[in-house]
Amino acid sequence: MAFLAQERLQTPVKVMRFDKLADIEKFDGFWARAGLLHASRPELGNVLARVYRALKPRGLFFSNYKSGNAEGRDHLDHYYRCLNQTILTRAYLLSNTWEILSVERYAGRSFGGDAAD
């Protein structure tokens, strides 16, 4: 996906772990498609603060999560953390002064093909 984005945008696209992010006001945006649901609740606040610091003013951030209150490993042994909207919104607001543009709910599928929020 990063390679295709780089080709389309004609600008470098970097792939890295969020917990390694140390830049300040460097990036125009971040795309975290189903990536941060693997962070524990304590890690999530740190990651969100790192992303916030690394974004340029008016930068954009997309992330999606599984909703609920569960934590554990799925049948493929992937760690996940489901957060309800209240807890998730609180994590964003406590980590910095995020402006939340939209929150949408949709039905998805797990890696194993099971239905998931």
PDB file of N, CA and C in Angstrom:
ATOM      1  N   MET A   1       0.815  -1.172   0.000  1.00  0.00           N
ATOM      2  CA  MET A   1       0.000   0.000   0.000  1.00  0.00           C
ATOM      3  C   MET A   1       0.877   1.261   0.000  1.00  0.00           C
ATOM      4  N   ALA A   2       1.956   1.238   0.791  1.00  0.00           N
ATOM      5  CA  ALA A   2       2.843   2.399   0.845  1.00  0.00           C
ATOM      6  C   ALA A   2       3.491   2.656  -0.518  1.00  0.00           C
ATOM      7  N   PHE A   3       3.891   1.590  -1.187  1.00  0.00           N
ATOM      8  CA  PHE A   3       4.508   1.737  -2.512  1.00  0.00           C
ATOM      9  C   PHE A   3       3.525   2.379  -3.493  1.00  0.00           C
ATOM     10  N   LEU A   4       2.275   1.914  -3.492  1.00  0.00           N
ATOM     11  CA  LEU A   4       1.270   2.481  -4.391  1.00  0.00           C
ATOM     12  C   LEU A   4       0.975   3.942  -4.050  1.00  0.00           C
ATOM     13  N   ALA A   5       0.907   4.261  -2.772  1.00  0.00           N
ATOM     14  CA  ALA A   5       0.682   5.648  -2.363  1.00  0.00           C
ATOM     15  C   ALA A   5       1.838   6.532  -2.812  1.00  0.00           C
ATOM     16  N   GLN A   6       3.050   6.047  -2.656  1.00  0.00           N
ATOM     17  CA  GLN A   6       4.227   6.812  -3.073  1.00  0.00           C
ATOM     18  C   GLN A   6       4.199   7.080  -4.570  1.00  0.00           C
ATOM     19  N   GLU A   7       3.848   6.066  -5.350  1.00  0.00           N
ATOM     20  CA  GLU A   7       3.743   6.250  -6.797  1.00  0.00           C
ATOM     21  C   GLU A   7       2.661   7.272  -7.149  1.00  0.00           C
ATOM     22  N   ARG A   8       1.511   7.128  -6.533  1.00  0.00           N
ATOM     23  CA  ARG A   8       0.389   8.001  -6.850  1.00  0.00           C
ATOM     24  C   ARG A   8       0.633   9.440  -6.412  1.00  0.00           C
ATOM     25  N   LEU A   9       1.195   9.630  -5.211  1.00  0.00           N
ATOM     26  CA  LEU A   9       1.410  10.962  -4.663  1.00  0.00           C
ATOM     27  C   LEU A   9       2.712  11.606  -5.127  1.00  0.00           C
ATOM     28  N   GLN A  10       3.598  10.787  -5.672  1.00  0.00           N
ATOM     29  CA  GLN A  10       4.917  11.275  -6.104  1.00  0.00           C
ATOM     30  C   GLN A  10       5.662  11.964  -4.958  1.00  0.00           C
ATOM     31  N   THR A  11       5.576  11.333  -3.799  1.00  0.00           N
ATOM     32  CA  THR A  11       6.269  11.827  -2.612  1.00  0.00           C
ATOM     33  C   THR A  11       6.634  10.623  -1.754  1.00  0.00           C
ATOM     34  N   PRO A  12       7.707  10.700  -0.994  1.00  0.00           N
ATOM     35  CA  PRO A  12       8.097   9.544  -0.171  1.00  0.00           C
ATOM     36  C   PRO A  12       7.021   9.161   0.847  1.00  0.00           C
ATOM     37  N   VAL A  13       6.823   7.874   1.017  1.00  0.00           N
ATOM     38  CA  VAL A  13       5.913   7.327   2.016  1.00  0.00           C
ATOM     39  C   VAL A  13       6.738   6.403   2.901  1.00  0.00           C
ATOM     40  N   LYS A  14       6.657   6.605   4.194  1.00  0.00           N
ATOM     41  CA  LYS A  14       7.473   5.837   5.130  1.00  0.00           C
ATOM     42  C   LYS A  14       6.608   4.849   5.901  1.00  0.00           C
ATOM     43  N   VAL A  15       7.094   3.632   6.052  1.00  0.00           N
ATOM     44  CA  VAL A  15       6.416   2.614   6.847  1.00  0.00           C
ATOM     45  C   VAL A  15       7.257   2.379   8.099  1.00  0.00           C
ATOM     46  N   MET A  16       6.613   2.477   9.263  1.00  0.00           N
ATOM     47  CA  MET A  16       7.358   2.272  10.509  1.00  0.00           C
ATOM     48  C   MET A  16       6.399   1.964  11.645  1.00  0.00           C
ATOM     49  N   ARG A  17       6.953   1.515  12.751  1.00  0.00           N
ATOM     50  CA  ARG A  17       6.156   1.263  13.957  1.00  0.00           C
ATOM     51  C   ARG A  17       5.887   2.588  14.657  1.00  0.00           C
ATOM     52  N   PHE A  18       4.660   2.747  15.144  1.00  0.00           N
ATOM     53  CA  PHE A  18       4.292   3.989  15.818  1.00  0.00           C
ATOM     54  C   PHE A  18       5.082   4.199  17.106  1.00  0.00           C
ATOM     55  N   ASP A  19       5.410   3.120  17.815  1.00  0.00           N
ATOM     56  CA  ASP A  19       6.134   3.293  19.075  1.00  0.00           C
ATOM     57  C   ASP A  19       7.591   3.694  18.869  1.00  0.00           C
ATOM     58  N   LYS A  20       8.057   3.732  17.632  1.00  0.00           N
ATOM     59  CA  LYS A  20       9.419   4.190  17.310  1.00  0.00           C
ATOM     60  C   LYS A  20       9.428   5.623  16.802  1.00  0.00           C
ATOM     61  N   LEU A  21       8.285   6.234  16.676  1.00  0.00           N
ATOM     62  CA  LEU A  21       8.135   7.561  16.113  1.00  0.00           C
ATOM     63  C   LEU A  21       8.675   8.618  17.076  1.00  0.00           C
ATOM     64  N   ALA A  22       9.663   9.398  16.618  1.00  0.00           N
ATOM     65  CA  ALA A  22      10.259  10.424  17.470  1.00  0.00           C
ATOM     66  C   ALA A  22      10.287  11.798  16.795  1.00  0.00           C
ATOM     67  N   ASP A  23       9.769  11.893  15.579  1.00  0.00           N
ATOM     68  CA  ASP A  23       9.800  13.152  14.831  1.00  0.00           C
ATOM     69  C   ASP A  23       8.835  14.177  15.420  1.00  0.00           C
ATOM     70  N   ILE A  24       9.109  15.447  15.114  1.00  0.00           N
ATOM     71  CA  ILE A  24       8.257  16.543  15.565  1.00  0.00           C
ATOM     72  C   ILE A  24       7.849  17.368  14.348  1.00  0.00           C
ATOM     73  N   GLU A  25       6.529  17.516  14.166  1.00  0.00           N
ATOM     74  CA  GLU A  25       5.939  18.305  13.077  1.00  0.00           C
ATOM     75  C   GLU A  25       6.588  18.015  11.727  1.00  0.00           C
ATOM     76  N   LYS A  26       6.682  16.747  11.395  1.00  0.00           N
ATOM     77  CA  LYS A  26       7.345  16.340  10.155  1.00  0.00           C
ATOM     78  C   LYS A  26       6.376  15.803   9.094  1.00  0.00           C
ATOM     79  N   PHE A  27       5.286  15.198   9.494  1.00  0.00           N
ATOM     80  CA  PHE A  27       4.433  14.471   8.557  1.00  0.00           C
ATOM     81  C   PHE A  27       3.102  15.176   8.309  1.00  0.00           C
ATOM     82  N   ASP A  28       2.630  15.059   7.067  1.00  0.00           N
ATOM     83  CA  ASP A  28       1.339  15.622   6.686  1.00  0.00           C
ATOM     84  C   ASP A  28       0.188  14.741   7.141  1.00  0.00           C
ATOM     85  N   GLY A  29       0.455  13.454   7.299  1.00  0.00           N
ATOM     86  CA  GLY A  29      -0.607  12.562   7.698  1.00  0.00           C
ATOM     87  C   GLY A  29      -0.117  11.174   8.058  1.00  0.00           C
ATOM     88  N   PHE A  30      -0.975  10.436   8.735  1.00  0.00           N
ATOM     89  CA  PHE A  30      -0.717   9.044   9.106  1.00  0.00           C
ATOM     90  C   PHE A  30      -1.934   8.216   8.753  1.00  0.00           C
ATOM     91  N   TRP A  31      -1.696   6.997   8.323  1.00  0.00           N
ATOM     92  CA  TRP A  31      -2.746   6.041   8.005  1.00  0.00           C
ATOM     93  C   TRP A  31      -2.477   4.813   8.858  1.00  0.00           C
ATOM     94  N   ALA A  32      -3.378   4.502   9.772  1.00  0.00           N
ATOM     95  CA  ALA A  32      -3.197   3.353  10.665  1.00  0.00           C
ATOM     96  C   ALA A  32      -4.398   2.427  10.532  1.00  0.00           C
ATOM     97  N   ARG A  33      -4.530   1.811   9.389  1.00  0.00           N
ATOM     98  CA  ARG A  33      -5.663   0.913   9.110  1.00  0.00           C
ATOM     99  C   ARG A  33      -5.504  -0.357   9.931  1.00  0.00           C
ATOM    100  N   ALA A  34      -6.338  -0.520  10.942  1.00  0.00           N
ATOM    101  CA  ALA A  34      -6.340  -1.712  11.802  1.00  0.00           C
ATOM    102  C   ALA A  34      -4.989  -1.976  12.440  1.00  0.00           C
ATOM    103  N   GLY A  35      -4.201  -0.949  12.659  1.00  0.00           N
ATOM    104  CA  GLY A  35      -2.887  -1.126  13.266  1.00  0.00           C
ATOM    105  C   GLY A  35      -2.873  -0.893  14.762  1.00  0.00           C
ATOM    106  N   LEU A  36      -3.590   0.114  15.219  1.00  0.00           N
ATOM    107  CA  LEU A  36      -3.516   0.470  16.638  1.00  0.00           C
ATOM    108  C   LEU A  36      -4.412  -0.370  17.525  1.00  0.00           C
ATOM    109  N   LEU A  37      -5.252  -1.220  16.942  1.00  0.00           N
ATOM    110  CA  LEU A  37      -6.045  -2.112  17.782  1.00  0.00           C
ATOM    111  C   LEU A  37      -5.161  -3.181  18.416  1.00  0.00           C
ATOM    112  N   HIS A  38      -3.906  -3.243  17.982  1.00  0.00           N
ATOM    113  CA  HIS A  38      -2.957  -4.189  18.564  1.00  0.00           C
ATOM    114  C   HIS A  38      -2.173  -3.574  19.728  1.00  0.00           C
ATOM    115  N   ALA A  39      -2.395  -2.304  20.003  1.00  0.00           N
ATOM    116  CA  ALA A  39      -1.715  -1.643  21.125  1.00  0.00           C
ATOM    117  C   ALA A  39      -2.548  -1.820  22.395  1.00  0.00           C
ATOM    118  N   SER A  40      -1.872  -2.080  23.498  1.00  0.00           N
ATOM    119  CA  SER A  40      -2.592  -2.155  24.773  1.00  0.00           C
ATOM    120  C   SER A  40      -3.064  -0.752  25.155  1.00  0.00           C
ATOM    121  N   ARG A  41      -3.974  -0.679  26.106  1.00  0.00           N
ATOM    122  CA  ARG A  41      -4.488   0.636  26.509  1.00  0.00           C
ATOM    123  C   ARG A  41      -3.374   1.574  26.979  1.00  0.00           C
ATOM    124  N   PRO A  42      -2.423   1.138  27.824  1.00  0.00           N
ATOM    125  CA  PRO A  42      -1.335   2.046  28.221  1.00  0.00           C
ATOM    126  C   PRO A  42      -0.454   2.470  27.034  1.00  0.00           C
ATOM    127  N   GLU A  43      -0.211   1.572  26.093  1.00  0.00           N
ATOM    128  CA  GLU A  43       0.600   1.914  24.918  1.00  0.00           C
ATOM    129  C   GLU A  43      -0.120   2.895  24.008  1.00  0.00           C
ATOM    130  N   LEU A  44      -1.437   2.785  23.912  1.00  0.00           N
ATOM    131  CA  LEU A  44      -2.199   3.609  22.990  1.00  0.00           C
ATOM    132  C   LEU A  44      -2.013   5.095  23.272  1.00  0.00           C
ATOM    133  N   GLY A  45      -2.083   5.509  24.524  1.00  0.00           N
ATOM    134  CA  GLY A  45      -1.891   6.920  24.867  1.00  0.00           C
ATOM    135  C   GLY A  45      -0.531   7.428  24.428  1.00  0.00           C
ATOM    136  N   ASN A  46       0.509   6.635  24.635  1.00  0.00           N
ATOM    137  CA  ASN A  46       1.862   7.008  24.226  1.00  0.00           C
ATOM    138  C   ASN A  46       1.949   7.128  22.701  1.00  0.00           C
ATOM    139  N   VAL A  47       1.372   6.173  21.999  1.00  0.00           N
ATOM    140  CA  VAL A  47       1.400   6.199  20.537  1.00  0.00           C
ATOM    141  C   VAL A  47       0.656   7.422  20.012  1.00  0.00           C
ATOM    142  N   LEU A  48      -0.523   7.701  20.549  1.00  0.00           N
ATOM    143  CA  LEU A  48      -1.290   8.857  20.093  1.00  0.00           C
ATOM    144  C   LEU A  48      -0.546  10.164  20.346  1.00  0.00           C
ATOM    145  N   ALA A  49       0.136  10.267  21.474  1.00  0.00           N
ATOM    146  CA  ALA A  49       0.936  11.462  21.754  1.00  0.00           C
ATOM    147  C   ALA A  49       2.089  11.587  20.760  1.00  0.00           C
ATOM    148  N   ARG A  50       2.731  10.469  20.414  1.00  0.00           N
ATOM    149  CA  ARG A  50       3.828  10.488  19.435  1.00  0.00           C
ATOM    150  C   ARG A  50       3.323  10.927  18.057  1.00  0.00           C
ATOM    151  N   VAL A  51       2.182  10.401  17.658  1.00  0.00           N
ATOM    152  CA  VAL A  51       1.599  10.769  16.360  1.00  0.00           C
ATOM    153  C   VAL A  51       1.268  12.258  16.349  1.00  0.00           C
ATOM    154  N   TYR A  52       0.652  12.732  17.407  1.00  0.00           N
ATOM    155  CA  TYR A  52       0.268  14.137  17.488  1.00  0.00           C
ATOM    156  C   TYR A  52       1.489  15.049  17.343  1.00  0.00           C
ATOM    157  N   ARG A  53       2.558  14.722  18.055  1.00  0.00           N
ATOM    158  CA  ARG A  53       3.799  15.522  17.972  1.00  0.00           C
ATOM    159  C   ARG A  53       4.410  15.477  16.576  1.00  0.00           C
ATOM    160  N   ALA A  54       4.307  14.343  15.910  1.00  0.00           N
ATOM    161  CA  ALA A  54       4.954  14.173  14.615  1.00  0.00           C
ATOM    162  C   ALA A  54       4.171  14.797  13.462  1.00  0.00           C
ATOM    163  N   LEU A  55       2.896  15.084  13.664  1.00  0.00           N
ATOM    164  CA  LEU A  55       2.090  15.708  12.617  1.00  0.00           C
ATOM    165  C   LEU A  55       2.401  17.191  12.482  1.00  0.00           C
ATOM    166  N   LYS A  56       2.436  17.648  11.229  1.00  0.00           N
ATOM    167  CA  LYS A  56       2.509  19.079  10.987  1.00  0.00           C
ATOM    168  C   LYS A  56       1.190  19.704  11.427  1.00  0.00           C
ATOM    169  N   PRO A  57       1.181  21.007  11.695  1.00  0.00           N
ATOM    170  CA  PRO A  57      -0.101  21.651  11.997  1.00  0.00           C
ATOM    171  C   PRO A  57      -1.106  21.372  10.876  1.00  0.00           C
ATOM    172  N   ARG A  58      -2.321  21.038  11.244  1.00  0.00           N
ATOM    173  CA  ARG A  58      -3.395  20.692  10.313  1.00  0.00           C
ATOM    174  C   ARG A  58      -3.170  19.358   9.607  1.00  0.00           C
ATOM    175  N   GLY A  59      -2.225  18.555  10.115  1.00  0.00           N
ATOM    176  CA  GLY A  59      -2.010  17.224   9.567  1.00  0.00           C
ATOM    177  C   GLY A  59      -3.192  16.317   9.878  1.00  0.00           C
ATOM    178  N   LEU A  60      -3.332  15.246   9.112  1.00  0.00           N
ATOM    179  CA  LEU A  60      -4.465  14.339   9.271  1.00  0.00           C
ATOM    180  C   LEU A  60      -4.019  12.968   9.753  1.00  0.00           C
ATOM    181  N   PHE A  61      -4.886  12.322  10.507  1.00  0.00           N
ATOM    182  CA  PHE A  61      -4.603  10.997  11.044  1.00  0.00           C
ATOM    183  C   PHE A  61      -5.839  10.143  10.896  1.00  0.00           C
ATOM    184  N   PHE A  62      -5.691   8.982  10.273  1.00  0.00           N
ATOM    185  CA  PHE A  62      -6.785   8.018  10.166  1.00  0.00           C
ATOM    186  C   PHE A  62      -6.384   6.764  10.920  1.00  0.00           C
ATOM    187  N   SER A  63      -7.313   6.264  11.715  1.00  0.00           N
ATOM    188  CA  SER A  63      -7.117   4.987  12.379  1.00  0.00           C
ATOM    189  C   SER A  63      -8.481   4.363  12.592  1.00  0.00           C
ATOM    190  N   ASN A  64      -8.529   3.048  12.571  1.00  0.00           N
ATOM    191  CA  ASN A  64      -9.772   2.374  12.897  1.00  0.00           C
ATOM    192  C   ASN A  64      -9.509   1.280  13.913  1.00  0.00           C
ATOM    193  N   TYR A  65     -10.542   0.941  14.647  1.00  0.00           N
ATOM    194  CA  TYR A  65     -10.437   0.027  15.774  1.00  0.00           C
ATOM    195  C   TYR A  65     -11.625  -0.919  15.780  1.00  0.00           C
ATOM    196  N   LYS A  66     -11.491  -2.018  16.483  1.00  0.00           N
ATOM    197  CA  LYS A  66     -12.638  -2.869  16.773  1.00  0.00           C
ATOM    198  C   LYS A  66     -13.297  -2.314  18.023  1.00  0.00           C
ATOM    199  N   SER A  67     -14.625  -2.252  18.023  1.00  0.00           N
ATOM    200  CA  SER A  67     -15.311  -1.692  19.182  1.00  0.00           C
ATOM    201  C   SER A  67     -15.645  -2.791  20.187  1.00  0.00           C
ATOM    202  N   GLY A  68     -15.808  -2.384  21.427  1.00  0.00           N
ATOM    203  CA  GLY A  68     -16.158  -3.313  22.484  1.00  0.00           C
ATOM    204  C   GLY A  68     -15.276  -3.128  23.695  1.00  0.00           C
ATOM    205  N   ASN A  69     -15.164  -4.176  24.501  1.00  0.00           N
ATOM    206  CA  ASN A  69     -14.362  -4.116  25.724  1.00  0.00           C
ATOM    207  C   ASN A  69     -13.434  -5.317  25.860  1.00  0.00           C
ATOM    208  N   ALA A  70     -13.258  -6.077  24.801  1.00  0.00           N
ATOM    209  CA  ALA A  70     -12.469  -7.303  24.871  1.00  0.00           C
ATOM    210  C   ALA A  70     -10.979  -7.028  24.656  1.00  0.00           C
ATOM    211  N   GLU A  71     -10.176  -7.942  25.167  1.00  0.00           N
ATOM    212  CA  GLU A  71      -8.728  -7.909  24.963  1.00  0.00           C
ATOM    213  C   GLU A  71      -8.259  -9.352  24.927  1.00  0.00           C
ATOM    214  N   GLY A  72      -7.317  -9.651  24.089  1.00  0.00           N
ATOM    215  CA  GLY A  72      -6.799 -11.013  24.041  1.00  0.00           C
ATOM    216  C   GLY A  72      -6.171 -11.332  22.706  1.00  0.00           C
ATOM    217  N   ARG A  73      -6.189 -12.601  22.365  1.00  0.00           N
ATOM    218  CA  ARG A  73      -5.620 -13.066  21.110  1.00  0.00           C
ATOM    219  C   ARG A  73      -6.705 -13.784  20.320  1.00  0.00           C
ATOM    220  N   ASP A  74      -6.702 -13.564  19.006  1.00  0.00           N
ATOM    221  CA  ASP A  74      -7.668 -14.266  18.173  1.00  0.00           C
ATOM    222  C   ASP A  74      -7.136 -15.656  17.831  1.00  0.00           C
ATOM    223  N   HIS A  75      -7.877 -16.387  17.008  1.00  0.00           N
ATOM    224  CA  HIS A  75      -7.472 -17.759  16.700  1.00  0.00           C
ATOM    225  C   HIS A  75      -6.205 -17.830  15.856  1.00  0.00           C
ATOM    226  N   LEU A  76      -5.732 -16.682  15.335  1.00  0.00           N
ATOM    227  CA  LEU A  76      -4.450 -16.633  14.612  1.00  0.00           C
ATOM    228  C   LEU A  76      -3.324 -16.135  15.523  1.00  0.00           C
ATOM    229  N   ASP A  77      -3.611 -15.985  16.816  1.00  0.00           N
ATOM    230  CA  ASP A  77      -2.669 -15.538  17.839  1.00  0.00           C
ATOM    231  C   ASP A  77      -2.267 -14.069  17.701  1.00  0.00           C
ATOM    232  N   HIS A  78      -3.109 -13.250  17.054  1.00  0.00           N
ATOM    233  CA  HIS A  78      -2.873 -11.806  16.981  1.00  0.00           C
ATOM    234  C   HIS A  78      -3.458 -11.159  18.232  1.00  0.00           C
ATOM    235  N   TYR A  79      -2.664 -10.343  18.921  1.00  0.00           N
ATOM    236  CA  TYR A  79      -3.165  -9.595  20.074  1.00  0.00           C
ATOM    237  C   TYR A  79      -4.076  -8.478  19.569  1.00  0.00           C
ATOM    238  N   TYR A  80      -5.170  -8.231  20.248  1.00  0.00           N
ATOM    239  CA  TYR A  80      -6.057  -7.135  19.905  1.00  0.00           C
ATOM    240  C   TYR A  80      -6.622  -6.529  21.180  1.00  0.00           C
ATOM    241  N   ARG A  81      -7.049  -5.315  21.059  1.00  0.00           N
ATOM    242  CA  ARG A  81      -7.682  -4.601  22.163  1.00  0.00           C
ATOM    243  C   ARG A  81      -8.876  -3.866  21.596  1.00  0.00           C
ATOM    244  N   CYS A  82     -10.072  -4.285  21.961  1.00  0.00           N
ATOM    245  CA  CYS A  82     -11.290  -3.600  21.537  1.00  0.00           C
ATOM    246  C   CYS A  82     -11.604  -2.514  22.552  1.00  0.00           C
ATOM    247  N   LEU A  83     -11.951  -1.338  22.075  1.00  0.00           N
ATOM    248  CA  LEU A  83     -12.273  -0.217  22.956  1.00  0.00           C
ATOM    249  C   LEU A  83     -13.630   0.343  22.583  1.00  0.00           C
ATOM    250  N   ASN A  84     -14.447   0.665  23.589  1.00  0.00           N
ATOM    251  CA  ASN A  84     -15.704   1.315  23.255  1.00  0.00           C
ATOM    252  C   ASN A  84     -15.425   2.778  22.917  1.00  0.00           C
ATOM    253  N   GLN A  85     -16.384   3.434  22.298  1.00  0.00           N
ATOM    254  CA  GLN A  85     -16.162   4.790  21.802  1.00  0.00           C
ATOM    255  C   GLN A  85     -15.808   5.770  22.910  1.00  0.00           C
ATOM    256  N   THR A  86     -16.388   5.629  24.079  1.00  0.00           N
ATOM    257  CA  THR A  86     -16.084   6.536  25.195  1.00  0.00           C
ATOM    258  C   THR A  86     -14.617   6.415  25.606  1.00  0.00           C
ATOM    259  N   ILE A  87     -14.140   5.206  25.794  1.00  0.00           N
ATOM    260  CA  ILE A  87     -12.748   4.991  26.200  1.00  0.00           C
ATOM    261  C   ILE A  87     -11.792   5.451  25.105  1.00  0.00           C
ATOM    262  N   LEU A  88     -12.119   5.155  23.872  1.00  0.00           N
ATOM    263  CA  LEU A  88     -11.268   5.549  22.756  1.00  0.00           C
ATOM    264  C   LEU A  88     -11.185   7.069  22.624  1.00  0.00           C
ATOM    265  N   THR A  89     -12.319   7.746  22.714  1.00  0.00           N
ATOM    266  CA  THR A  89     -12.327   9.212  22.643  1.00  0.00           C
ATOM    267  C   THR A  89     -11.515   9.795  23.787  1.00  0.00           C
ATOM    268  N   ARG A  90     -11.655   9.231  24.979  1.00  0.00           N
ATOM    269  CA  ARG A  90     -10.888   9.706  26.136  1.00  0.00           C
ATOM    270  C   ARG A  90      -9.383   9.542  25.899  1.00  0.00           C
ATOM    271  N   ALA A  91      -8.978   8.425  25.302  1.00  0.00           N
ATOM    272  CA  ALA A  91      -7.550   8.198  25.010  1.00  0.00           C
ATOM    273  C   ALA A  91      -7.016   9.287  24.093  1.00  0.00           C
ATOM    274  N   TYR A  92      -7.780   9.663  23.089  1.00  0.00           N
ATOM    275  CA  TYR A  92      -7.346  10.736  22.182  1.00  0.00           C
ATOM    276  C   TYR A  92      -7.255  12.068  22.912  1.00  0.00           C
ATOM    277  N   LEU A  93      -8.280  12.392  23.685  1.00  0.00           N
ATOM    278  CA  LEU A  93      -8.309  13.692  24.342  1.00  0.00           C
ATOM    279  C   LEU A  93      -7.282  13.809  25.459  1.00  0.00           C
ATOM    280  N   LEU A  94      -6.959  12.703  26.134  1.00  0.00           N
ATOM    281  CA  LEU A  94      -5.956  12.748  27.201  1.00  0.00           C
ATOM    282  C   LEU A  94      -4.535  12.803  26.647  1.00  0.00           C
ATOM    283  N   SER A  95      -4.323  12.257  25.447  1.00  0.00           N
ATOM    284  CA  SER A  95      -2.969  12.225  24.903  1.00  0.00           C
ATOM    285  C   SER A  95      -2.568  13.569  24.313  1.00  0.00           C
ATOM    286  N   ASN A  96      -3.495  14.382  23.914  1.00  0.00           N
ATOM    287  CA  ASN A  96      -3.260  15.725  23.377  1.00  0.00           C
ATOM    288  C   ASN A  96      -4.587  16.351  23.002  1.00  0.00           C
ATOM    289  N   THR A  97      -4.532  17.490  22.374  1.00  0.00           N
ATOM    290  CA  THR A  97      -5.754  18.183  21.993  1.00  0.00           C
ATOM    291  C   THR A  97      -6.112  17.821  20.558  1.00  0.00           C
ATOM    292  N   TRP A  98      -6.564  16.605  20.363  1.00  0.00           N
ATOM    293  CA  TRP A  98      -6.989  16.152  19.053  1.00  0.00           C
ATOM    294  C   TRP A  98      -8.314  16.803  18.693  1.00  0.00           C
ATOM    295  N   GLU A  99      -8.501  17.102  17.426  1.00  0.00           N
ATOM    296  CA  GLU A  99      -9.805  17.494  16.911  1.00  0.00           C
ATOM    297  C   GLU A  99     -10.343  16.270  16.174  1.00  0.00           C
ATOM    298  N   ILE A 100     -11.369  15.669  16.708  1.00  0.00           N
ATOM    299  CA  ILE A 100     -11.932  14.460  16.113  1.00  0.00           C
ATOM    300  C   ILE A 100     -12.946  14.896  15.061  1.00  0.00           C
ATOM    301  N   LEU A 101     -12.616  14.629  13.792  1.00  0.00           N
ATOM    302  CA  LEU A 101     -13.461  15.072  12.696  1.00  0.00           C
ATOM    303  C   LEU A 101     -14.664  14.170  12.480  1.00  0.00           C
ATOM    304  N   SER A 102     -14.478  12.876  12.649  1.00  0.00           N
ATOM    305  CA  SER A 102     -15.613  11.975  12.483  1.00  0.00           C
ATOM    306  C   SER A 102     -15.328  10.639  13.152  1.00  0.00           C
ATOM    307  N   VAL A 103     -16.406  10.009  13.554  1.00  0.00           N
ATOM    308  CA  VAL A 103     -16.371   8.651  14.082  1.00  0.00           C
ATOM    309  C   VAL A 103     -17.470   7.899  13.353  1.00  0.00           C
ATOM    310  N   GLU A 104     -17.103   6.814  12.723  1.00  0.00           N
ATOM    311  CA  GLU A 104     -18.081   6.022  11.979  1.00  0.00           C
ATOM    312  C   GLU A 104     -18.026   4.585  12.453  1.00  0.00           C
ATOM    313  N   ARG A 105     -19.172   3.938  12.479  1.00  0.00           N
ATOM    314  CA  ARG A 105     -19.254   2.516  12.815  1.00  0.00           C
ATOM    315  C   ARG A 105     -19.587   1.751  11.556  1.00  0.00           C
ATOM    316  N   TYR A 106     -18.934   0.625  11.382  1.00  0.00           N
ATOM    317  CA  TYR A 106     -19.242  -0.242  10.248  1.00  0.00           C
ATOM    318  C   TYR A 106     -18.895  -1.671  10.618  1.00  0.00           C
ATOM    319  N   ALA A 107     -19.550  -2.605   9.969  1.00  0.00           N
ATOM    320  CA  ALA A 107     -19.275  -4.024  10.205  1.00  0.00           C
ATOM    321  C   ALA A 107     -18.070  -4.422   9.369  1.00  0.00           C
ATOM    322  N   GLY A 108     -17.175  -5.162   9.957  1.00  0.00           N
ATOM    323  CA  GLY A 108     -15.987  -5.626   9.255  1.00  0.00           C
ATOM    324  C   GLY A 108     -15.803  -7.118   9.447  1.00  0.00           C
ATOM    325  N   ARG A 109     -14.628  -7.594   9.123  1.00  0.00           N
ATOM    326  CA  ARG A 109     -14.287  -9.005   9.284  1.00  0.00           C
ATOM    327  C   ARG A 109     -12.922  -9.116   9.950  1.00  0.00           C
ATOM    328  N   SER A 110     -12.750 -10.150  10.752  1.00  0.00           N
ATOM    329  CA  SER A 110     -11.450 -10.424  11.360  1.00  0.00           C
ATOM    330  C   SER A 110     -10.549 -11.053  10.311  1.00  0.00           C
ATOM    331  N   PHE A 111      -9.268 -11.210  10.639  1.00  0.00           N
ATOM    332  CA  PHE A 111      -8.351 -11.865   9.723  1.00  0.00           C
ATOM    333  C   PHE A 111      -8.797 -13.281   9.410  1.00  0.00           C
ATOM    334  N   GLY A 112      -9.477 -13.890  10.352  1.00  0.00           N
ATOM    335  CA  GLY A 112      -9.962 -15.255  10.144  1.00  0.00           C
ATOM    336  C   GLY A 112     -11.274 -15.311   9.373  1.00  0.00           C
ATOM    337  N   GLY A 113     -11.858 -14.154   9.036  1.00  0.00           N
ATOM    338  CA  GLY A 113     -13.087 -14.115   8.256  1.00  0.00           C
ATOM    339  C   GLY A 113     -14.344 -13.988   9.074  1.00  0.00           C
ATOM    340  N   ASP A 114     -14.233 -13.942  10.407  1.00  0.00           N
ATOM    341  CA  ASP A 114     -15.407 -13.815  11.263  1.00  0.00           C
ATOM    342  C   ASP A 114     -15.933 -12.377  11.216  1.00  0.00           C
ATOM    343  N   ALA A 115     -17.237 -12.193  11.346  1.00  0.00           N
ATOM    344  CA  ALA A 115     -17.828 -10.856  11.403  1.00  0.00           C
ATOM    345  C   ALA A 115     -17.333 -10.140  12.641  1.00  0.00           C
ATOM    346  N   ALA A 116     -17.061  -8.834  12.529  1.00  0.00           N
ATOM    347  CA  ALA A 116     -16.560  -8.038  13.644  1.00  0.00           C
ATOM    348  C   ALA A 116     -17.013  -6.596  13.467  1.00  0.00           C
ATOM    349  N   ASP A 117     -17.170  -5.863  14.597  1.00  0.00           N
ATOM    350  CA  ASP A 117     -17.481  -4.424  14.533  1.00  0.00           C
ATOM    351  C   ASP A 117     -16.217  -3.655  14.248  1.00  0.00           C
TER     352      ASP A 117
END
